[in-house]
Amino acid sequence: MRAQQFLSYQFTIVSLGATLNALRKQLYYELRDLDLRVQSVRLSRAESDQLACTIVTLRCPARRRRQLGAIALRLGRSPGVRRLHWQNEAGSAIAVLPA
């Protein structure tokens, strides 16, 4: 049996400060449902009417990449999201979604 190939991915979500926590929770629940673990999280805090940012890094088997894309699309369409950037470990942008 072939060993699973895991790659690192990074989601950068820029949203209104008031919606950042809800978006992070949504992302965590969806990743948990796929049995994926978050490696690191970086946050910038802002007032509720200002933009804030969270950067979430995770490792994912190559076979689940399509499901990560679906998560990115759903998050990118969420109210309050101004930009969602998803990239692989090499830094290549997979999706950049202006809201």
PDB file of N, CA and C in Angstrom:
ATOM      1  N   MET A   1       0.842  -1.186   0.000  1.00  0.00           N
ATOM      2  CA  MET A   1       0.000   0.000   0.000  1.00  0.00           C
ATOM      3  C   MET A   1       0.889   1.253   0.000  1.00  0.00           C
ATOM      4  N   ARG A   2       0.538   2.208  -0.828  1.00  0.00           N
ATOM      5  CA  ARG A   2       1.294   3.458  -0.921  1.00  0.00           C
ATOM      6  C   ARG A   2       1.036   4.355   0.285  1.00  0.00           C
ATOM      7  N   ALA A   3       2.087   5.008   0.755  1.00  0.00           N
ATOM      8  CA  ALA A   3       1.920   5.963   1.854  1.00  0.00           C
ATOM      9  C   ALA A   3       1.163   7.182   1.349  1.00  0.00           C
ATOM     10  N   GLN A   4       0.298   7.720   2.204  1.00  0.00           N
ATOM     11  CA  GLN A   4      -0.448   8.925   1.836  1.00  0.00           C
ATOM     12  C   GLN A   4       0.480  10.121   1.778  1.00  0.00           C
ATOM     13  N   GLN A   5       0.305  10.932   0.768  1.00  0.00           N
ATOM     14  CA  GLN A   5       1.090  12.151   0.651  1.00  0.00           C
ATOM     15  C   GLN A   5       0.327  13.290   1.326  1.00  0.00           C
ATOM     16  N   PHE A   6       0.960  13.917   2.313  1.00  0.00           N
ATOM     17  CA  PHE A   6       0.366  15.054   3.004  1.00  0.00           C
ATOM     18  C   PHE A   6       1.058  16.323   2.552  1.00  0.00           C
ATOM     19  N   LEU A   7       0.274  17.349   2.302  1.00  0.00           N
ATOM     20  CA  LEU A   7       0.795  18.654   1.923  1.00  0.00           C
ATOM     21  C   LEU A   7       0.290  19.695   2.908  1.00  0.00           C
ATOM     22  N   SER A   8       1.048  20.764   3.058  1.00  0.00           N
ATOM     23  CA  SER A   8       0.613  21.874   3.910  1.00  0.00           C
ATOM     24  C   SER A   8      -0.134  22.885   3.064  1.00  0.00           C
ATOM     25  N   TYR A   9      -1.198  23.417   3.635  1.00  0.00           N
ATOM     26  CA  TYR A   9      -1.999  24.441   3.002  1.00  0.00           C
ATOM     27  C   TYR A   9      -2.222  25.568   3.995  1.00  0.00           C
ATOM     28  N   GLN A  10      -2.469  26.747   3.454  1.00  0.00           N
ATOM     29  CA  GLN A  10      -2.694  27.914   4.298  1.00  0.00           C
ATOM     30  C   GLN A  10      -3.901  28.688   3.776  1.00  0.00           C
ATOM     31  N   PHE A  11      -4.844  28.949   4.685  1.00  0.00           N
ATOM     32  CA  PHE A  11      -5.992  29.787   4.395  1.00  0.00           C
ATOM     33  C   PHE A  11      -5.737  31.138   5.047  1.00  0.00           C
ATOM     34  N   THR A  12      -5.880  32.224   4.296  1.00  0.00           N
ATOM     35  CA  THR A  12      -5.829  33.568   4.845  1.00  0.00           C
ATOM     36  C   THR A  12      -7.206  34.180   4.611  1.00  0.00           C
ATOM     37  N   ILE A  13      -7.867  34.527   5.701  1.00  0.00           N
ATOM     38  CA  ILE A  13      -9.214  35.081   5.619  1.00  0.00           C
ATOM     39  C   ILE A  13      -9.173  36.513   6.130  1.00  0.00           C
ATOM     40  N   VAL A  14      -9.585  37.455   5.285  1.00  0.00           N
ATOM     41  CA  VAL A  14      -9.695  38.860   5.673  1.00  0.00           C
ATOM     42  C   VAL A  14     -11.186  39.170   5.724  1.00  0.00           C
ATOM     43  N   SER A  15     -11.626  39.616   6.887  1.00  0.00           N
ATOM     44  CA  SER A  15     -13.060  39.867   7.068  1.00  0.00           C
ATOM     45  C   SER A  15     -13.257  41.029   8.023  1.00  0.00           C
ATOM     46  N   LEU A  16     -14.507  41.418   8.179  1.00  0.00           N
ATOM     47  CA  LEU A  16     -14.830  42.393   9.211  1.00  0.00           C
ATOM     48  C   LEU A  16     -14.510  41.771  10.561  1.00  0.00           C
ATOM     49  N   GLY A  17     -13.973  42.565  11.457  1.00  0.00           N
ATOM     50  CA  GLY A  17     -13.591  42.053  12.776  1.00  0.00           C
ATOM     51  C   GLY A  17     -14.728  41.364  13.499  1.00  0.00           C
ATOM     52  N   ALA A  18     -15.949  41.852  13.306  1.00  0.00           N
ATOM     53  CA  ALA A  18     -17.111  41.291  13.995  1.00  0.00           C
ATOM     54  C   ALA A  18     -17.443  39.875  13.529  1.00  0.00           C
ATOM     55  N   THR A  19     -17.014  39.489  12.335  1.00  0.00           N
ATOM     56  CA  THR A  19     -17.359  38.164  11.804  1.00  0.00           C
ATOM     57  C   THR A  19     -16.210  37.164  11.867  1.00  0.00           C
ATOM     58  N   LEU A  20     -15.037  37.616  12.278  1.00  0.00           N
ATOM     59  CA  LEU A  20     -13.849  36.751  12.233  1.00  0.00           C
ATOM     60  C   LEU A  20     -14.001  35.485  13.070  1.00  0.00           C
ATOM     61  N   ASN A  21     -14.477  35.597  14.298  1.00  0.00           N
ATOM     62  CA  ASN A  21     -14.601  34.406  15.141  1.00  0.00           C
ATOM     63  C   ASN A  21     -15.572  33.392  14.555  1.00  0.00           C
ATOM     64  N   ALA A  22     -16.684  33.848  14.026  1.00  0.00           N
ATOM     65  CA  ALA A  22     -17.662  32.932  13.425  1.00  0.00           C
ATOM     66  C   ALA A  22     -17.059  32.218  12.207  1.00  0.00           C
ATOM     67  N   LEU A  23     -16.297  32.937  11.416  1.00  0.00           N
ATOM     68  CA  LEU A  23     -15.666  32.324  10.248  1.00  0.00           C
ATOM     69  C   LEU A  23     -14.624  31.292  10.660  1.00  0.00           C
ATOM     70  N   ARG A  24     -13.821  31.607  11.668  1.00  0.00           N
ATOM     71  CA  ARG A  24     -12.834  30.642  12.164  1.00  0.00           C
ATOM     72  C   ARG A  24     -13.518  29.387  12.668  1.00  0.00           C
ATOM     73  N   LYS A  25     -14.603  29.549  13.424  1.00  0.00           N
ATOM     74  CA  LYS A  25     -15.334  28.381  13.928  1.00  0.00           C
ATOM     75  C   LYS A  25     -15.870  27.542  12.783  1.00  0.00           C
ATOM     76  N   GLN A  26     -16.442  28.197  11.769  1.00  0.00           N
ATOM     77  CA  GLN A  26     -16.953  27.474  10.610  1.00  0.00           C
ATOM     78  C   GLN A  26     -15.835  26.662   9.959  1.00  0.00           C
ATOM     79  N   LEU A  27     -14.663  27.282   9.768  1.00  0.00           N
ATOM     80  CA  LEU A  27     -13.531  26.592   9.172  1.00  0.00           C
ATOM     81  C   LEU A  27     -13.104  25.412  10.039  1.00  0.00           C
ATOM     82  N   TYR A  28     -12.987  25.617  11.348  1.00  0.00           N
ATOM     83  CA  TYR A  28     -12.570  24.528  12.247  1.00  0.00           C
ATOM     84  C   TYR A  28     -13.552  23.359  12.206  1.00  0.00           C
ATOM     85  N   TYR A  29     -14.854  23.641  12.213  1.00  0.00           N
ATOM     86  CA  TYR A  29     -15.849  22.562  12.160  1.00  0.00           C
ATOM     87  C   TYR A  29     -15.739  21.782  10.861  1.00  0.00           C
ATOM     88  N   GLU A  30     -15.572  22.489   9.769  1.00  0.00           N
ATOM     89  CA  GLU A  30     -15.470  21.798   8.481  1.00  0.00           C
ATOM     90  C   GLU A  30     -14.190  20.961   8.399  1.00  0.00           C
ATOM     91  N   LEU A  31     -13.096  21.491   8.924  1.00  0.00           N
ATOM     92  CA  LEU A  31     -11.849  20.719   8.932  1.00  0.00           C
ATOM     93  C   LEU A  31     -11.968  19.510   9.849  1.00  0.00           C
ATOM     94  N   ARG A  32     -12.607  19.688  10.990  1.00  0.00           N
ATOM     95  CA  ARG A  32     -12.809  18.571  11.920  1.00  0.00           C
ATOM     96  C   ARG A  32     -13.638  17.467  11.264  1.00  0.00           C
ATOM     97  N   ASP A  33     -14.673  17.856  10.520  1.00  0.00           N
ATOM     98  CA  ASP A  33     -15.507  16.874   9.844  1.00  0.00           C
ATOM     99  C   ASP A  33     -14.714  16.063   8.813  1.00  0.00           C
ATOM    100  N   LEU A  34     -13.642  16.645   8.278  1.00  0.00           N
ATOM    101  CA  LEU A  34     -12.765  15.939   7.334  1.00  0.00           C
ATOM    102  C   LEU A  34     -11.619  15.230   8.055  1.00  0.00           C
ATOM    103  N   ASP A  35     -11.614  15.314   9.381  1.00  0.00           N
ATOM    104  CA  ASP A  35     -10.563  14.726  10.221  1.00  0.00           C
ATOM    105  C   ASP A  35      -9.191  15.335   9.918  1.00  0.00           C
ATOM    106  N   LEU A  36      -9.172  16.644   9.695  1.00  0.00           N
ATOM    107  CA  LEU A  36      -7.938  17.378   9.451  1.00  0.00           C
ATOM    108  C   LEU A  36      -7.615  18.243  10.659  1.00  0.00           C
ATOM    109  N   ARG A  37      -6.357  18.341  10.964  1.00  0.00           N
ATOM    110  CA  ARG A  37      -5.921  19.087  12.135  1.00  0.00           C
ATOM    111  C   ARG A  37      -5.236  20.397  11.732  1.00  0.00           C
ATOM    112  N   VAL A  38      -5.558  21.427  12.466  1.00  0.00           N
ATOM    113  CA  VAL A  38      -4.926  22.732  12.265  1.00  0.00           C
ATOM    114  C   VAL A  38      -3.541  22.690  12.904  1.00  0.00           C
ATOM    115  N   GLN A  39      -2.524  23.141  12.181  1.00  0.00           N
ATOM    116  CA  GLN A  39      -1.162  23.191  12.699  1.00  0.00           C
ATOM    117  C   GLN A  39      -0.870  24.493  13.422  1.00  0.00           C
ATOM    118  N   SER A  40      -1.328  25.588  12.850  1.00  0.00           N
ATOM    119  CA  SER A  40      -1.090  26.884  13.484  1.00  0.00           C
ATOM    120  C   SER A  40      -2.156  27.880  13.047  1.00  0.00           C
ATOM    121  N   VAL A  41      -2.315  28.893  13.897  1.00  0.00           N
ATOM    122  CA  VAL A  41      -3.273  29.969  13.629  1.00  0.00           C
ATOM    123  C   VAL A  41      -2.612  31.282  14.020  1.00  0.00           C
ATOM    124  N   ARG A  42      -2.723  32.260  13.144  1.00  0.00           N
ATOM    125  CA  ARG A  42      -2.273  33.623  13.455  1.00  0.00           C
ATOM    126  C   ARG A  42      -3.449  34.548  13.257  1.00  0.00           C
ATOM    127  N   LEU A  43      -3.638  35.445  14.207  1.00  0.00           N
ATOM    128  CA  LEU A  43      -4.771  36.374  14.164  1.00  0.00           C
ATOM    129  C   LEU A  43      -4.292  37.809  14.243  1.00  0.00           C
ATOM    130  N   SER A  44      -4.992  38.677  13.543  1.00  0.00           N
ATOM    131  CA  SER A  44      -4.839  40.105  13.783  1.00  0.00           C
ATOM    132  C   SER A  44      -6.206  40.582  14.236  1.00  0.00           C
ATOM    133  N   ARG A  45      -6.240  41.276  15.297  1.00  0.00           N
ATOM    134  CA  ARG A  45      -7.510  41.757  15.862  1.00  0.00           C
ATOM    135  C   ARG A  45      -7.756  43.191  15.445  1.00  0.00           C
ATOM    136  N   ALA A  46      -9.024  43.497  15.308  1.00  0.00           N
ATOM    137  CA  ALA A  46      -9.420  44.856  14.959  1.00  0.00           C
ATOM    138  C   ALA A  46     -10.781  45.129  15.581  1.00  0.00           C
ATOM    139  N   GLU A  47     -11.170  46.365  15.569  1.00  0.00           N
ATOM    140  CA  GLU A  47     -12.509  46.727  16.027  1.00  0.00           C
ATOM    141  C   GLU A  47     -13.531  46.077  15.102  1.00  0.00           C
ATOM    142  N   SER A  48     -14.751  45.935  15.565  1.00  0.00           N
ATOM    143  CA  SER A  48     -15.772  45.187  14.819  1.00  0.00           C
ATOM    144  C   SER A  48     -16.057  45.748  13.426  1.00  0.00           C
ATOM    145  N   ASP A  49     -15.881  47.056  13.236  1.00  0.00           N
ATOM    146  CA  ASP A  49     -16.179  47.628  11.926  1.00  0.00           C
ATOM    147  C   ASP A  49     -14.938  47.742  11.041  1.00  0.00           C
ATOM    148  N   GLN A  50     -13.805  47.218  11.522  1.00  0.00           N
ATOM    149  CA  GLN A  50     -12.565  47.251  10.755  1.00  0.00           C
ATOM    150  C   GLN A  50     -12.219  45.846  10.269  1.00  0.00           C
ATOM    151  N   LEU A  51     -11.292  45.775   9.326  1.00  0.00           N
ATOM    152  CA  LEU A  51     -10.872  44.484   8.807  1.00  0.00           C
ATOM    153  C   LEU A  51      -9.923  43.784   9.774  1.00  0.00           C
ATOM    154  N   ALA A  52     -10.060  42.472   9.838  1.00  0.00           N
ATOM    155  CA  ALA A  52      -9.187  41.623  10.651  1.00  0.00           C
ATOM    156  C   ALA A  52      -8.773  40.445   9.778  1.00  0.00           C
ATOM    157  N   CYS A  53      -7.756  39.729  10.218  1.00  0.00           N
ATOM    158  CA  CYS A  53      -7.215  38.645   9.409  1.00  0.00           C
ATOM    159  C   CYS A  53      -6.898  37.437  10.277  1.00  0.00           C
ATOM    160  N   THR A  54      -7.139  36.260   9.747  1.00  0.00           N
ATOM    161  CA  THR A  54      -6.681  35.030  10.382  1.00  0.00           C
ATOM    162  C   THR A  54      -5.982  34.194   9.320  1.00  0.00           C
ATOM    163  N   ILE A  55      -4.880  33.576   9.712  1.00  0.00           N
ATOM    164  CA  ILE A  55      -4.131  32.689   8.821  1.00  0.00           C
ATOM    165  C   ILE A  55      -4.092  31.329   9.480  1.00  0.00           C
ATOM    166  N   VAL A  56      -4.640  30.334   8.815  1.00  0.00           N
ATOM    167  CA  VAL A  56      -4.739  28.984   9.346  1.00  0.00           C
ATOM    168  C   VAL A  56      -3.907  28.060   8.463  1.00  0.00           C
ATOM    169  N   THR A  57      -2.965  27.345   9.078  1.00  0.00           N
ATOM    170  CA  THR A  57      -2.118  26.391   8.373  1.00  0.00           C
ATOM    171  C   THR A  57      -2.510  24.982   8.790  1.00  0.00           C
ATOM    172  N   LEU A  58      -2.597  24.081   7.816  1.00  0.00           N
ATOM    173  CA  LEU A  58      -2.974  22.698   8.107  1.00  0.00           C
ATOM    174  C   LEU A  58      -2.281  21.755   7.143  1.00  0.00           C
ATOM    175  N   ARG A  59      -2.243  20.486   7.520  1.00  0.00           N
ATOM    176  CA  ARG A  59      -1.732  19.436   6.640  1.00  0.00           C
ATOM    177  C   ARG A  59      -2.913  18.599   6.184  1.00  0.00           C
ATOM    178  N   CYS A  60      -2.864  18.218   4.926  1.00  0.00           N
ATOM    179  CA  CYS A  60      -3.998  17.528   4.332  1.00  0.00           C
ATOM    180  C   CYS A  60      -3.486  16.479   3.346  1.00  0.00           C
ATOM    181  N   PRO A  61      -4.104  15.291   3.339  1.00  0.00           N
ATOM    182  CA  PRO A  61      -3.734  14.321   2.302  1.00  0.00           C
ATOM    183  C   PRO A  61      -4.130  14.852   0.925  1.00  0.00           C
ATOM    184  N   ALA A  62      -3.328  14.547  -0.061  1.00  0.00           N
ATOM    185  CA  ALA A  62      -3.576  15.044  -1.418  1.00  0.00           C
ATOM    186  C   ALA A  62      -4.984  14.692  -1.898  1.00  0.00           C
ATOM    187  N   ARG A  63      -5.508  13.566  -1.480  1.00  0.00           N
ATOM    188  CA  ARG A  63      -6.831  13.125  -1.936  1.00  0.00           C
ATOM    189  C   ARG A  63      -7.962  14.017  -1.416  1.00  0.00           C
ATOM    190  N   ARG A  64      -7.689  14.843  -0.405  1.00  0.00           N
ATOM    191  CA  ARG A  64      -8.725  15.720   0.163  1.00  0.00           C
ATOM    192  C   ARG A  64      -8.647  17.155  -0.350  1.00  0.00           C
ATOM    193  N   ARG A  65      -7.762  17.417  -1.286  1.00  0.00           N
ATOM    194  CA  ARG A  65      -7.574  18.786  -1.759  1.00  0.00           C
ATOM    195  C   ARG A  65      -8.861  19.364  -2.349  1.00  0.00           C
ATOM    196  N   ARG A  66      -9.602  18.568  -3.066  1.00  0.00           N
ATOM    197  CA  ARG A  66     -10.858  19.047  -3.669  1.00  0.00           C
ATOM    198  C   ARG A  66     -11.825  19.515  -2.578  1.00  0.00           C
ATOM    199  N   GLN A  67     -11.874  18.800  -1.457  1.00  0.00           N
ATOM    200  CA  GLN A  67     -12.759  19.181  -0.361  1.00  0.00           C
ATOM    201  C   GLN A  67     -12.307  20.487   0.279  1.00  0.00           C
ATOM    202  N   LEU A  68     -10.990  20.726   0.328  1.00  0.00           N
ATOM    203  CA  LEU A  68     -10.504  22.019   0.821  1.00  0.00           C
ATOM    204  C   LEU A  68     -10.946  23.148  -0.104  1.00  0.00           C
ATOM    205  N   GLY A  69     -10.943  22.882  -1.393  1.00  0.00           N
ATOM    206  CA  GLY A  69     -11.415  23.884  -2.353  1.00  0.00           C
ATOM    207  C   GLY A  69     -12.868  24.249  -2.125  1.00  0.00           C
ATOM    208  N   ALA A  70     -13.691  23.248  -1.812  1.00  0.00           N
ATOM    209  CA  ALA A  70     -15.108  23.504  -1.535  1.00  0.00           C
ATOM    210  C   ALA A  70     -15.263  24.352  -0.273  1.00  0.00           C
ATOM    211  N   ILE A  71     -14.441  24.079   0.730  1.00  0.00           N
ATOM    212  CA  ILE A  71     -14.471  24.883   1.961  1.00  0.00           C
ATOM    213  C   ILE A  71     -14.101  26.329   1.632  1.00  0.00           C
ATOM    214  N   ALA A  72     -13.057  26.524   0.845  1.00  0.00           N
ATOM    215  CA  ALA A  72     -12.622  27.874   0.472  1.00  0.00           C
ATOM    216  C   ALA A  72     -13.734  28.626  -0.242  1.00  0.00           C
ATOM    217  N   LEU A  73     -14.422  27.965  -1.144  1.00  0.00           N
ATOM    218  CA  LEU A  73     -15.519  28.630  -1.862  1.00  0.00           C
ATOM    219  C   LEU A  73     -16.643  29.034  -0.915  1.00  0.00           C
ATOM    220  N   ARG A  74     -17.016  28.140   0.003  1.00  0.00           N
ATOM    221  CA  ARG A  74     -18.086  28.480   0.962  1.00  0.00           C
ATOM    222  C   ARG A  74     -17.677  29.650   1.848  1.00  0.00           C
ATOM    223  N   LEU A  75     -16.457  29.604   2.368  1.00  0.00           N
ATOM    224  CA  LEU A  75     -16.006  30.702   3.232  1.00  0.00           C
ATOM    225  C   LEU A  75     -15.916  32.013   2.456  1.00  0.00           C
ATOM    226  N   GLY A  76     -15.449  31.946   1.218  1.00  0.00           N
ATOM    227  CA  GLY A  76     -15.319  33.148   0.393  1.00  0.00           C
ATOM    228  C   GLY A  76     -16.650  33.827   0.110  1.00  0.00           C
ATOM    229  N   ARG A  77     -17.727  33.075   0.187  1.00  0.00           N
ATOM    230  CA  ARG A  77     -19.067  33.633  -0.059  1.00  0.00           C
ATOM    231  C   ARG A  77     -19.761  34.090   1.223  1.00  0.00           C
ATOM    232  N   SER A  78     -19.120  33.900   2.359  1.00  0.00           N
ATOM    233  CA  SER A  78     -19.731  34.261   3.643  1.00  0.00           C
ATOM    234  C   SER A  78     -19.842  35.776   3.783  1.00  0.00           C
ATOM    235  N   PRO A  79     -20.919  36.255   4.421  1.00  0.00           N
ATOM    236  CA  PRO A  79     -21.045  37.697   4.675  1.00  0.00           C
ATOM    237  C   PRO A  79     -19.874  38.188   5.544  1.00  0.00           C
ATOM    238  N   GLY A  80     -19.380  39.324   5.222  1.00  0.00           N
ATOM    239  CA  GLY A  80     -18.288  39.906   6.003  1.00  0.00           C
ATOM    240  C   GLY A  80     -16.913  39.581   5.464  1.00  0.00           C
ATOM    241  N   VAL A  81     -16.781  38.553   4.625  1.00  0.00           N
ATOM    242  CA  VAL A  81     -15.472  38.191   4.071  1.00  0.00           C
ATOM    243  C   VAL A  81     -15.129  39.168   2.954  1.00  0.00           C
ATOM    244  N   ARG A  82     -13.953  39.729   3.039  1.00  0.00           N
ATOM    245  CA  ARG A  82     -13.490  40.659   2.011  1.00  0.00           C
ATOM    246  C   ARG A  82     -12.502  39.998   1.061  1.00  0.00           C
ATOM    247  N   ARG A  83     -11.794  38.991   1.569  1.00  0.00           N
ATOM    248  CA  ARG A  83     -10.805  38.288   0.739  1.00  0.00           C
ATOM    249  C   ARG A  83     -10.467  36.964   1.409  1.00  0.00           C
ATOM    250  N   LEU A  84     -10.325  35.937   0.593  1.00  0.00           N
ATOM    251  CA  LEU A  84      -9.863  34.643   1.077  1.00  0.00           C
ATOM    252  C   LEU A  84      -8.772  34.181   0.123  1.00  0.00           C
ATOM    253  N   HIS A  85      -7.622  33.867   0.681  1.00  0.00           N
ATOM    254  CA  HIS A  85      -6.485  33.423  -0.111  1.00  0.00           C
ATOM    255  C   HIS A  85      -6.123  32.027   0.376  1.00  0.00           C
ATOM    256  N   TRP A  86      -5.989  31.087  -0.537  1.00  0.00           N
ATOM    257  CA  TRP A  86      -5.655  29.710  -0.196  1.00  0.00           C
ATOM    258  C   TRP A  86      -4.436  29.331  -1.002  1.00  0.00           C
ATOM    259  N   GLN A  87      -3.396  28.846  -0.338  1.00  0.00           N
ATOM    260  CA  GLN A  87      -2.169  28.497  -1.047  1.00  0.00           C
ATOM    261  C   GLN A  87      -1.599  27.196  -0.524  1.00  0.00           C
ATOM    262  N   ASN A  88      -0.733  26.575  -1.344  1.00  0.00           N
ATOM    263  CA  ASN A  88      -0.072  25.347  -0.918  1.00  0.00           C
ATOM    264  C   ASN A  88       1.264  25.679  -0.255  1.00  0.00           C
ATOM    265  N   GLU A  89       1.971  24.625   0.197  1.00  0.00           N
ATOM    266  CA  GLU A  89       3.209  24.835   0.950  1.00  0.00           C
ATOM    267  C   GLU A  89       4.302  25.511   0.135  1.00  0.00           C
ATOM    268  N   ALA A  90       4.245  25.422  -1.178  1.00  0.00           N
ATOM    269  CA  ALA A  90       5.240  26.070  -2.027  1.00  0.00           C
ATOM    270  C   ALA A  90       4.932  27.555  -2.224  1.00  0.00           C
ATOM    271  N   GLY A  91       3.774  27.998  -1.715  1.00  0.00           N
ATOM    272  CA  GLY A  91       3.399  29.401  -1.841  1.00  0.00           C
ATOM    273  C   GLY A  91       2.586  29.705  -3.078  1.00  0.00           C
ATOM    274  N   SER A  92       2.264  28.666  -3.846  1.00  0.00           N
ATOM    275  CA  SER A  92       1.449  28.877  -5.056  1.00  0.00           C
ATOM    276  C   SER A  92      -0.006  29.100  -4.670  1.00  0.00           C
ATOM    277  N   ALA A  93      -0.567  30.165  -5.167  1.00  0.00           N
ATOM    278  CA  ALA A  93      -1.982  30.461  -4.874  1.00  0.00           C
ATOM    279  C   ALA A  93      -2.861  29.443  -5.576  1.00  0.00           C
ATOM    280  N   ILE A  94      -3.769  28.883  -4.816  1.00  0.00           N
ATOM    281  CA  ILE A  94      -4.740  27.948  -5.378  1.00  0.00           C
ATOM    282  C   ILE A  94      -6.021  28.708  -5.671  1.00  0.00           C
ATOM    283  N   ALA A  95      -6.393  29.601  -4.764  1.00  0.00           N
ATOM    284  CA  ALA A  95      -7.595  30.402  -4.962  1.00  0.00           C
ATOM    285  C   ALA A  95      -7.431  31.728  -4.253  1.00  0.00           C
ATOM    286  N   VAL A  96      -7.858  32.771  -4.906  1.00  0.00           N
ATOM    287  CA  VAL A  96      -7.954  34.090  -4.296  1.00  0.00           C
ATOM    288  C   VAL A  96      -9.356  34.560  -4.600  1.00  0.00           C
ATOM    289  N   LEU A  97     -10.119  34.719  -3.548  1.00  0.00           N
ATOM    290  CA  LEU A  97     -11.533  35.021  -3.721  1.00  0.00           C
ATOM    291  C   LEU A  97     -11.870  36.393  -3.144  1.00  0.00           C
ATOM    292  N   PRO A  98     -12.071  37.376  -3.986  1.00  0.00           N
ATOM    293  CA  PRO A  98     -12.603  38.637  -3.442  1.00  0.00           C
ATOM    294  C   PRO A  98     -14.080  38.444  -3.166  1.00  0.00           C
ATOM    295  N   ALA A  99     -14.547  38.978  -2.061  1.00  0.00           N
ATOM    296  CA  ALA A  99     -15.965  38.832  -1.706  1.00  0.00           C
ATOM    297  C   ALA A  99     -16.754  39.976  -2.273  1.00  0.00           C
TER     298      ALA A  99
END
